[in-house]
């Protein structure tokens, strides 16, 4: 099962209660007691659920789903891709009564991996199962399967050609099949052929793990390989893994707040207002939250340490204001010291001051940030966001912690900023390590 950010449940299937669902990406379940009647996904769960309620007046199926349900559960994901995979996994597991994709007359649509073949392949299929392959689904449409396979293939190339021939396939020419089984079969050197077979099968194994939702396991293995190849001075291979890490990170961390959706549902205003109400209990002089800055440090084995600053302006992501920092000081060993260097460099610039400063971390990180602001004689409301569970650390007095409800729109903005700053810092860190490896190799 995919790792998700949060779970929400409402026990009254009405518009009034549904309006408390956040306008974020995720999977939702209509339930009658413990029985799941229908599973769906959306980039805006609140809007989609309201649509279900409105359509229940004119559509028999929608009416049956709504009238028979006594609760709705929602699982928030941090990307459309994860929501699509999670929806398919849950439909396959629970087989809901009103999900058409497994009850239609035509066979349901799955992704098949021929795991026992010499060169396993991934493709969509409607045929019966066989015990020699692994299946994922069912999926709601051909388009969704195509998008999943296309995105995975960009990160982990694989072959779709049914028969092995003596010439490389078309997709090998555009790096979507690499190493190509047709090419591997023509290699006379036994050790080289075995090595390429292992690389191909590793691609398939990673693709399978992504479909299983084991994305953290995949990323960890990619980081490990990147480090191994860089240490062995095999810089071309290291560059391949660096690029794959960046591609997979991008795929797994797409925006939760879609620009097309946000203005229509007035998410920005609603979220900022709720955040302002929450924080005014601790910062009475907080008049407006026009600009929010969030900082995070990325540091693996204390090499190529980086930090990021991501910005929300009027409740919307503002990528043109993003900044990244390569840690310069050799004495900056800990995350705390690196955060200190980052904030000192940021506030020595002439950039506009934020109305709210957010640091990724708990009380230790907040204390460091407060000390830096005091030394710079800057008075800005400061909070931290700690994990397990997600909670806010208020930069006042004895640093009280606050855990708003998971459907709190202002809290979700801070959580999103935290995840976005982590992604941005990590992406820059991977780029720097890959660049260094490449330059040394040249």
Protein backbone atom coordinates (compact mmCIF):
# COMPACT_ATOMS: atom_id res chain seq x y z
CA UNK A 1 0.00 0.00 0.00
CA UNK A 2 1.26 3.46 -0.83
CA UNK A 3 2.53 5.64 1.96
CA UNK A 4 0.05 8.54 2.27
CA UNK A 5 0.09 11.86 4.02
CA UNK A 6 -3.21 11.79 5.91
CA UNK A 7 -6.54 10.09 6.35
CA UNK A 8 -9.85 11.90 6.79
CA UNK A 9 -13.26 10.44 7.61
CA UNK A 10 -16.66 12.13 7.75
CA UNK A 11 -19.72 10.32 9.07
CA UNK A 12 -22.43 12.40 7.42
CA UNK A 13 -22.68 12.29 3.63
CA UNK A 14 -23.87 15.86 3.11
CA UNK A 15 -22.61 18.97 1.33
CA UNK A 16 -22.05 20.73 4.63
CA UNK A 17 -19.66 18.01 5.83
CA UNK A 18 -18.05 17.45 2.43
CA UNK A 19 -17.07 21.13 2.29
CA UNK A 20 -14.65 20.38 5.14
CA UNK A 21 -12.68 18.03 2.90
CA UNK A 22 -9.50 19.75 1.61
CA UNK A 23 -9.13 20.68 -2.04
CA UNK A 24 -6.10 18.44 -2.48
CA UNK A 25 -5.17 15.36 -4.45
CA UNK A 26 -6.17 11.99 -3.08
CA UNK A 27 -8.38 8.91 -3.06
CA UNK A 28 -11.87 8.83 -1.53
CA UNK A 29 -14.08 5.93 -0.42
CA UNK A 30 -17.88 5.86 -0.06
CA UNK A 31 -18.65 3.36 2.70
CA UNK A 32 -21.62 1.63 4.33
CA UNK A 33 -20.36 0.52 7.69
CA UNK A 34 -17.15 -1.34 6.92
CA UNK A 35 -18.21 -2.16 3.36
CA UNK A 36 -16.63 -0.02 0.63
CA UNK A 37 -19.18 0.84 -2.07
CA UNK A 38 -17.12 3.05 -4.36
CA UNK A 39 -13.50 4.22 -4.69
CA UNK A 40 -12.43 7.25 -6.70
CA UNK A 41 -9.58 9.72 -7.02
CA UNK A 42 -9.31 13.41 -7.82
CA UNK A 43 -6.86 16.30 -7.88
CA UNK A 44 -9.53 18.17 -5.88
CA UNK A 45 -11.36 15.78 -3.59
CA UNK A 46 -13.80 18.33 -2.20
CA UNK A 47 -14.97 19.40 -5.66
CA UNK A 48 -15.29 15.79 -6.85
CA UNK A 49 -17.30 14.73 -3.80
CA UNK A 50 -19.64 17.71 -4.17
CA UNK A 51 -20.08 16.66 -7.79
CA UNK A 52 -21.10 13.16 -6.64
CA UNK A 53 -23.74 14.66 -4.34
CA UNK A 54 -25.13 16.95 -7.04
CA UNK A 55 -25.21 14.21 -9.69
CA UNK A 56 -27.09 11.93 -7.28
CA UNK A 57 -30.25 13.91 -8.12
CA UNK A 58 -30.15 12.96 -11.81
CA UNK A 59 -28.10 9.75 -12.08
CA UNK A 60 -29.26 6.39 -10.74
CA UNK A 61 -25.79 5.03 -10.02
CA UNK A 62 -24.67 8.21 -8.25
CA UNK A 63 -27.90 8.21 -6.26
CA UNK A 64 -27.31 4.63 -5.14
CA UNK A 65 -23.73 5.41 -4.05
CA UNK A 66 -24.74 8.47 -2.04
CA UNK A 67 -27.96 7.16 -0.46
CA UNK A 68 -26.44 3.83 0.58
CA UNK A 69 -23.29 5.37 2.09
CA UNK A 70 -23.09 6.46 5.72
CA UNK A 71 -19.50 7.74 5.68
CA UNK A 72 -16.72 8.94 3.38
CA UNK A 73 -13.03 8.31 3.93
CA UNK A 74 -10.35 10.33 2.15
CA UNK A 75 -6.66 9.57 1.78
CA UNK A 76 -4.51 12.56 0.86
CA UNK A 77 -1.57 11.89 -1.46
CA UNK A 78 1.19 14.27 -2.50
CA UNK A 79 0.89 13.65 -6.25
CA UNK A 80 -1.61 12.71 -8.95
CA UNK A 81 0.60 9.74 -9.82
CA UNK A 82 0.41 8.28 -6.32
CA UNK A 83 -3.35 8.81 -6.22
CA UNK A 84 -3.78 6.92 -9.50
CA UNK A 85 -1.74 3.95 -8.25
CA UNK A 86 -3.43 3.91 -4.85
CA UNK A 87 -6.90 3.96 -6.43
CA UNK A 88 -6.05 0.92 -8.56
CA UNK A 89 -4.54 -0.96 -5.61
CA UNK A 90 -7.60 -0.38 -3.44
CA UNK A 91 -10.08 -1.29 -6.17
CA UNK A 92 -8.21 -4.54 -6.76
CA UNK A 93 -8.17 -5.31 -3.04
CA UNK A 94 -11.73 -4.37 -2.07
CA UNK A 95 -13.65 -4.80 -5.37
CA UNK A 96 -16.27 -2.13 -4.57
CA UNK A 97 -19.82 -2.70 -5.67
CA UNK A 98 -20.11 0.42 -7.83
CA UNK A 99 -16.66 0.59 -9.44
CA UNK A 100 -17.37 -0.13 -13.09
CA UNK A 101 -13.83 -1.02 -14.15
CA UNK A 102 -13.98 -4.47 -12.61
CA UNK A 103 -17.72 -5.10 -13.08
CA UNK A 104 -18.19 -4.10 -16.74
CA UNK A 105 -18.91 -6.70 -19.41
CA UNK A 106 -15.53 -6.06 -21.00
CA UNK A 107 -12.49 -7.39 -19.19
CA UNK A 108 -10.85 -5.02 -16.71
CA UNK A 109 -7.65 -3.22 -17.66
CA UNK A 110 -4.39 -4.15 -15.92
CA UNK A 111 -0.65 -3.58 -16.17
CA UNK A 112 1.16 -6.87 -16.66
CA UNK A 113 4.82 -7.65 -15.88
CA UNK A 114 6.14 -10.90 -17.34
CA UNK A 115 8.47 -11.42 -14.39
CA UNK A 116 9.58 -14.94 -15.35
CA UNK A 117 10.72 -14.04 -18.86
CA UNK A 118 14.42 -13.74 -19.60
CA UNK A 119 13.70 -10.09 -20.42
CA UNK A 120 10.53 -9.11 -18.53
CA UNK A 121 8.18 -6.61 -20.17
CA UNK A 122 5.47 -4.21 -19.00
CA UNK A 123 2.28 -3.64 -20.96
CA UNK A 124 -1.47 -3.18 -20.58
CA UNK A 125 -3.77 -6.17 -20.91
CA UNK A 126 -7.42 -7.21 -20.56
CA UNK A 127 -6.84 -10.97 -20.71
CA UNK A 128 -7.12 -13.54 -17.96
CA UNK A 129 -4.39 -13.86 -15.36
CA UNK A 130 -1.56 -16.36 -15.59
CA UNK A 131 0.62 -17.47 -12.69
CA UNK A 132 3.85 -16.55 -14.49
CA UNK A 133 3.19 -12.80 -14.45
CA UNK A 134 2.49 -9.99 -12.00
CA UNK A 135 -0.61 -7.80 -12.44
CA UNK A 136 -1.51 -4.32 -11.22
CA UNK A 137 -4.95 -2.75 -11.46
CA UNK A 138 -7.68 -2.61 -12.53
CA UNK A 139 -7.33 0.90 -13.91
CA UNK A 140 -10.22 3.19 -14.90
CA UNK A 141 -9.10 3.91 -18.46
CA UNK A 142 -6.61 3.18 -21.20
CA UNK A 143 -5.36 6.75 -20.82
CA UNK A 144 -4.47 6.25 -17.16
CA UNK A 145 -2.51 3.08 -17.93
CA UNK A 146 -0.71 4.81 -20.78
CA UNK A 147 0.27 7.72 -18.53
CA UNK A 148 1.58 5.41 -15.81
CA UNK A 149 3.66 3.31 -18.20
CA UNK A 150 4.97 6.40 -19.98
CA UNK A 151 6.09 8.08 -16.75
CA UNK A 152 7.70 4.95 -15.32
CA UNK A 153 9.46 4.23 -18.60
CA UNK A 154 11.11 7.64 -18.59
CA UNK A 155 12.77 6.75 -15.30
CA UNK A 156 13.30 3.00 -15.79
CA UNK A 157 13.51 2.11 -19.51
CA UNK A 158 12.04 -1.24 -20.55
CA UNK A 159 11.21 -3.13 -23.75
CA UNK A 160 7.72 -3.68 -25.17
CA UNK A 161 8.74 -5.57 -28.31
CA UNK A 162 7.17 -9.04 -28.25
CA UNK A 163 9.97 -10.90 -30.02
CA UNK A 164 13.73 -10.58 -29.63
CA UNK A 165 15.39 -9.72 -32.95
CA UNK A 166 18.91 -8.89 -34.11
CA UNK A 167 18.33 -5.13 -34.32
CA UNK A 168 17.72 -2.65 -31.55
CA UNK A 169 14.09 -1.60 -31.24
CA UNK A 170 12.78 1.88 -32.04
CA UNK A 171 12.46 2.85 -28.37
CA UNK A 172 16.14 2.07 -27.80
CA UNK A 173 16.98 4.96 -30.13
CA UNK A 174 15.15 7.41 -27.85
CA UNK A 175 16.46 5.90 -24.58
CA UNK A 176 13.13 4.39 -23.54
CA UNK A 177 14.51 0.85 -23.88
CA UNK A 178 17.98 0.68 -22.36
CA UNK A 179 19.76 -1.63 -22.35
CA UNK A 180 17.77 -3.11 -25.23
CA UNK A 181 17.33 -6.92 -25.05
CA UNK A 182 17.95 -7.10 -28.81
CA UNK A 183 21.35 -5.49 -28.32
CA UNK A 184 22.18 -7.58 -25.26
CA UNK A 185 21.54 -10.78 -27.20
CA UNK A 186 24.16 -9.86 -29.81
CA UNK A 187 26.99 -9.32 -27.31
CA UNK A 188 29.56 -12.11 -27.43
CA UNK A 189 31.35 -11.24 -24.20
CA UNK A 190 29.65 -13.35 -21.53
CA UNK A 191 30.40 -11.10 -18.56
CA UNK A 192 29.26 -7.98 -20.42
CA UNK A 193 26.04 -9.69 -21.49
CA UNK A 194 25.28 -10.81 -17.93
CA UNK A 195 25.97 -7.31 -16.59
CA UNK A 196 23.53 -5.71 -19.04
CA UNK A 197 20.91 -8.36 -18.30
CA UNK A 198 21.19 -7.49 -14.62
CA UNK A 199 20.80 -3.77 -15.38
CA UNK A 200 17.68 -4.45 -17.45
CA UNK A 201 16.15 -6.65 -14.75
CA UNK A 202 16.94 -4.03 -12.12
CA UNK A 203 14.95 -1.52 -14.19
CA UNK A 204 12.01 -3.91 -14.22
CA UNK A 205 12.34 -4.57 -10.50
CA UNK A 206 12.31 -0.84 -9.73
CA UNK A 207 9.32 -0.29 -12.02
CA UNK A 208 7.49 -3.06 -10.16
CA UNK A 209 8.31 -1.47 -6.81
CA UNK A 210 6.94 1.87 -7.99
CA UNK A 211 3.70 0.15 -9.00
CA UNK A 212 3.62 -1.48 -5.55
CA UNK A 213 3.99 1.94 -3.93
CA UNK A 214 7.48 1.22 -2.55
CA UNK A 215 8.83 4.52 -3.81
CA UNK A 216 11.04 5.28 -0.79
CA UNK A 217 12.74 1.89 -1.21
CA UNK A 218 13.40 2.69 -4.87
CA UNK A 219 14.82 6.14 -4.10
CA UNK A 220 17.07 4.75 -1.39
CA UNK A 221 18.46 2.12 -3.77
CA UNK A 222 19.08 4.78 -6.44
CA UNK A 223 20.94 7.00 -3.96
CA UNK A 224 23.02 4.00 -2.89
CA UNK A 225 23.96 3.20 -6.49
CA UNK A 226 24.79 6.84 -7.17
CA UNK A 227 27.20 6.84 -4.24
CA UNK A 228 28.78 3.53 -5.24
CA UNK A 229 29.45 4.56 -8.83
CA UNK A 230 30.78 7.97 -7.82
CA UNK A 231 33.13 6.36 -5.30
CA UNK A 232 34.40 3.93 -7.95
CA UNK A 233 34.85 6.88 -10.36
CA UNK A 234 32.38 5.36 -12.83
CA UNK A 235 30.98 8.77 -13.59
CA UNK A 236 28.84 7.97 -16.63
CA UNK A 237 26.85 5.43 -14.60
CA UNK A 238 26.65 7.87 -11.67
CA UNK A 239 25.20 10.51 -13.99
CA UNK A 240 22.50 8.07 -15.14
CA UNK A 241 21.43 7.43 -11.55
CA UNK A 242 21.49 11.11 -10.70
CA UNK A 243 19.13 11.82 -13.59
CA UNK A 244 16.82 8.97 -12.58
CA UNK A 245 16.62 10.27 -9.02
CA UNK A 246 15.65 13.72 -10.28
CA UNK A 247 13.04 12.29 -12.68
CA UNK A 248 11.48 10.09 -10.02
CA UNK A 249 11.44 12.88 -7.43
CA UNK A 250 9.67 15.12 -9.93
CA UNK A 251 7.11 12.41 -10.70
CA UNK A 252 6.37 11.72 -7.04
CA UNK A 253 6.10 15.35 -5.89
CA UNK A 254 3.88 17.14 -8.35
CA UNK A 255 1.94 20.13 -7.06
CA UNK A 256 -1.01 19.36 -4.82
CA UNK A 257 -2.47 22.81 -5.48
CA UNK A 258 -3.18 22.88 -9.20
CA UNK A 259 -3.14 26.40 -10.72
CA UNK A 260 -6.29 25.54 -12.68
CA UNK A 261 -8.21 24.56 -9.55
CA UNK A 262 -6.98 27.03 -6.95
CA UNK A 263 -8.54 30.27 -8.23
CA UNK A 264 -11.91 28.69 -8.96
CA UNK A 265 -12.36 27.29 -5.47
CA UNK A 266 -10.74 30.27 -3.76
CA UNK A 267 -8.30 27.97 -1.99
CA UNK A 268 -5.67 30.68 -1.62
CA UNK A 269 -7.89 33.10 0.29
CA UNK A 270 -9.48 30.38 2.40
CA UNK A 271 -6.14 28.83 3.35
CA UNK A 272 -4.41 32.09 4.19
CA UNK A 273 -7.36 33.27 6.29
CA UNK A 274 -7.44 30.05 8.30
CA UNK A 275 -3.67 30.19 8.82
CA UNK A 276 -3.90 33.82 9.94
CA UNK A 277 -6.63 33.03 12.47
CA UNK A 278 -4.55 30.16 13.86
CA UNK A 279 -1.32 32.14 14.23
CA UNK A 280 -2.84 35.35 15.62
CA UNK A 281 -3.33 33.48 18.89
CA UNK A 282 0.46 33.54 19.20
CA UNK A 283 1.40 36.56 17.06
CA UNK A 284 -1.24 39.24 17.80
CA UNK A 285 0.50 41.82 15.60
CA UNK A 286 0.39 39.56 12.52
CA UNK A 287 -1.64 41.77 10.19
CA UNK A 288 -1.34 39.83 6.93
CA UNK A 289 0.40 36.80 5.45
CA UNK A 290 1.34 38.01 2.00
CA UNK A 291 4.68 36.18 1.75
CA UNK A 292 5.72 32.91 3.43
CA UNK A 293 9.24 31.50 3.17
CA UNK A 294 10.14 27.92 4.12
CA UNK A 295 13.69 26.59 4.53
CA UNK A 296 15.09 23.07 4.40
CA UNK A 297 18.56 21.51 4.35
CA UNK A 298 19.59 18.50 2.24
CA UNK A 299 22.72 16.73 3.43
CA UNK A 300 23.72 13.17 2.59
CA UNK A 301 26.98 12.00 4.17
CA UNK A 302 27.88 15.69 4.60
CA UNK A 303 28.77 15.97 0.90
CA UNK A 304 27.48 18.73 -1.37
CA UNK A 305 25.20 20.03 1.37
CA UNK A 306 22.48 22.36 0.12
CA UNK A 307 19.53 24.32 1.43
CA UNK A 308 16.38 25.63 -0.19
CA UNK A 309 14.00 28.54 0.22
CA UNK A 310 10.53 28.09 -1.26
CA UNK A 311 7.96 30.87 -1.29
CA UNK A 312 4.19 31.25 -1.16
CA UNK A 313 2.86 34.63 -2.29
CA UNK A 314 -0.80 35.30 -1.50
CA UNK A 315 -1.33 31.61 -0.82
CA UNK A 316 0.10 30.35 -4.12
CA UNK A 317 3.48 28.83 -4.90
CA UNK A 318 5.82 31.44 -6.36
CA UNK A 319 8.61 29.54 -8.10
CA UNK A 320 10.29 32.64 -9.48
CA UNK A 321 11.07 33.54 -5.85
CA UNK A 322 12.60 30.15 -5.01
CA UNK A 323 16.25 30.25 -3.97
CA UNK A 324 18.83 27.56 -3.37
CA UNK A 325 22.02 27.70 -1.33
CA UNK A 326 25.17 25.65 -1.62
CA UNK A 327 26.63 25.42 1.88
CA UNK A 328 30.02 27.14 1.73
CA UNK A 329 31.44 26.96 5.25
CA UNK A 330 33.59 23.91 5.94
CA UNK A 331 32.69 24.27 9.61
CA UNK A 332 28.98 23.72 8.89
CA UNK A 333 28.76 20.09 9.94
CA UNK A 334 25.31 19.66 11.43
CA UNK A 335 21.89 20.49 10.00
CA UNK A 336 21.59 23.19 12.65
CA UNK A 337 24.85 24.89 11.60
CA UNK A 338 23.89 24.66 7.93
CA UNK A 339 20.52 26.22 8.66
CA UNK A 340 22.34 28.99 10.51
CA UNK A 341 24.55 29.71 7.49
CA UNK A 342 21.53 29.65 5.16
CA UNK A 343 19.45 32.12 7.16
CA UNK A 344 22.38 34.47 7.67
CA UNK A 345 23.01 34.56 3.93
CA UNK A 346 19.32 35.00 3.14
CA UNK A 347 18.82 37.97 5.47
CA UNK A 348 21.99 39.73 4.36
CA UNK A 349 20.38 40.11 0.93
CA UNK A 350 18.02 42.87 -0.11
CA UNK A 351 15.15 40.49 -0.88
CA UNK A 352 11.75 41.44 0.55
CA UNK A 353 11.13 40.23 4.08
CA UNK A 354 8.50 37.54 4.59
CA UNK A 355 5.46 37.95 6.82
CA UNK A 356 6.02 34.41 8.11
CA UNK A 357 9.15 32.27 8.30
CA UNK A 358 8.90 28.46 8.37
CA UNK A 359 11.73 26.02 9.09
CA UNK A 360 11.57 22.28 8.53
CA UNK A 361 12.06 20.78 11.97
CA UNK A 362 11.13 20.93 15.61
CA UNK A 363 12.21 22.93 18.63
CA UNK A 364 16.01 22.71 18.04
CA UNK A 365 15.68 24.16 14.54
CA UNK A 366 13.28 26.86 15.73
CA UNK A 367 15.68 27.88 18.52
CA UNK A 368 18.52 28.24 16.00
CA UNK A 369 16.35 30.35 13.69
CA UNK A 370 15.17 32.57 16.56
CA UNK A 371 18.77 33.17 17.64
CA UNK A 372 19.79 34.17 14.11
CA UNK A 373 16.85 36.57 13.73
CA UNK A 374 17.67 38.14 17.10
CA UNK A 375 21.32 38.63 16.10
CA UNK A 376 20.19 40.28 12.87
CA UNK A 377 17.62 42.39 14.77
CA UNK A 378 14.82 41.07 12.56
CA UNK A 379 11.37 40.57 14.08
CA UNK A 380 9.38 38.12 11.95
CA UNK A 381 6.83 35.52 13.12
CA UNK A 382 8.58 32.14 13.02
CA UNK A 383 7.24 28.60 13.16
CA UNK A 384 8.66 25.14 12.61
CA UNK A 385 6.92 22.05 11.29
CA UNK A 386 7.87 18.80 12.99
CA UNK A 387 7.01 15.26 11.90
CA UNK A 388 5.53 12.07 13.36
CA UNK A 389 2.92 13.42 13.72
CA UNK A 390 2.92 16.65 11.74
CA UNK A 391 2.64 19.59 14.14
CA UNK A 392 3.58 23.25 14.35
CA UNK A 393 6.24 24.57 16.72
CA UNK A 394 5.53 28.21 17.56
CA UNK A 395 8.57 30.49 17.80
CA UNK A 396 7.39 32.19 21.00
CA UNK A 397 8.12 31.74 24.71
CA UNK A 398 8.71 28.09 25.58
CA UNK A 399 8.01 27.03 21.97
CA UNK A 400 4.50 25.57 22.31
CA UNK A 401 3.35 22.98 19.78
CA UNK A 402 0.03 23.01 17.94
CA UNK A 403 -1.55 20.14 16.01
CA UNK A 404 -4.44 21.50 13.90
CA UNK A 405 -6.96 19.05 12.41
CA UNK A 406 -5.77 17.44 9.19
CA UNK A 407 -8.43 19.19 7.12
CA UNK A 408 -7.22 22.63 8.31
CA UNK A 409 -6.44 24.54 5.10
CA UNK A 410 -3.81 26.81 6.62
CA UNK A 411 -2.01 23.84 8.16
CA UNK A 412 -2.04 22.09 4.79
CA UNK A 413 -0.26 25.08 3.22
CA UNK A 414 2.56 24.75 5.78
CA UNK A 415 2.76 21.00 5.24
CA UNK A 416 2.92 21.50 1.51
CA UNK A 417 5.64 24.15 1.88
CA UNK A 418 7.66 21.72 4.00
CA UNK A 419 7.41 18.97 1.37
CA UNK A 420 8.16 21.38 -1.47
CA UNK A 421 11.24 22.82 0.26
CA UNK A 422 12.50 19.29 0.91
CA UNK A 423 12.01 18.34 -2.74
CA UNK A 424 13.70 21.50 -4.01
CA UNK A 425 16.73 21.15 -1.70
CA UNK A 426 17.13 17.47 -2.49
CA UNK A 427 16.91 18.08 -6.24
CA UNK A 428 19.70 20.67 -6.08
CA UNK A 429 21.79 18.37 -3.87
CA UNK A 430 21.49 15.51 -6.39
CA UNK A 431 22.36 17.86 -9.26
CA UNK A 432 25.51 19.10 -7.49
CA UNK A 433 26.71 15.60 -6.65
CA UNK A 434 26.14 14.44 -10.20
CA UNK A 435 27.86 17.53 -11.62
CA UNK A 436 30.87 17.00 -9.38
CA UNK A 437 31.12 13.34 -10.35
CA UNK A 438 30.86 14.23 -14.04
CA UNK A 439 33.53 16.95 -13.84
CA UNK A 440 35.94 14.66 -11.99
CA UNK A 441 35.32 11.97 -14.58
CA UNK A 442 36.10 14.35 -17.44
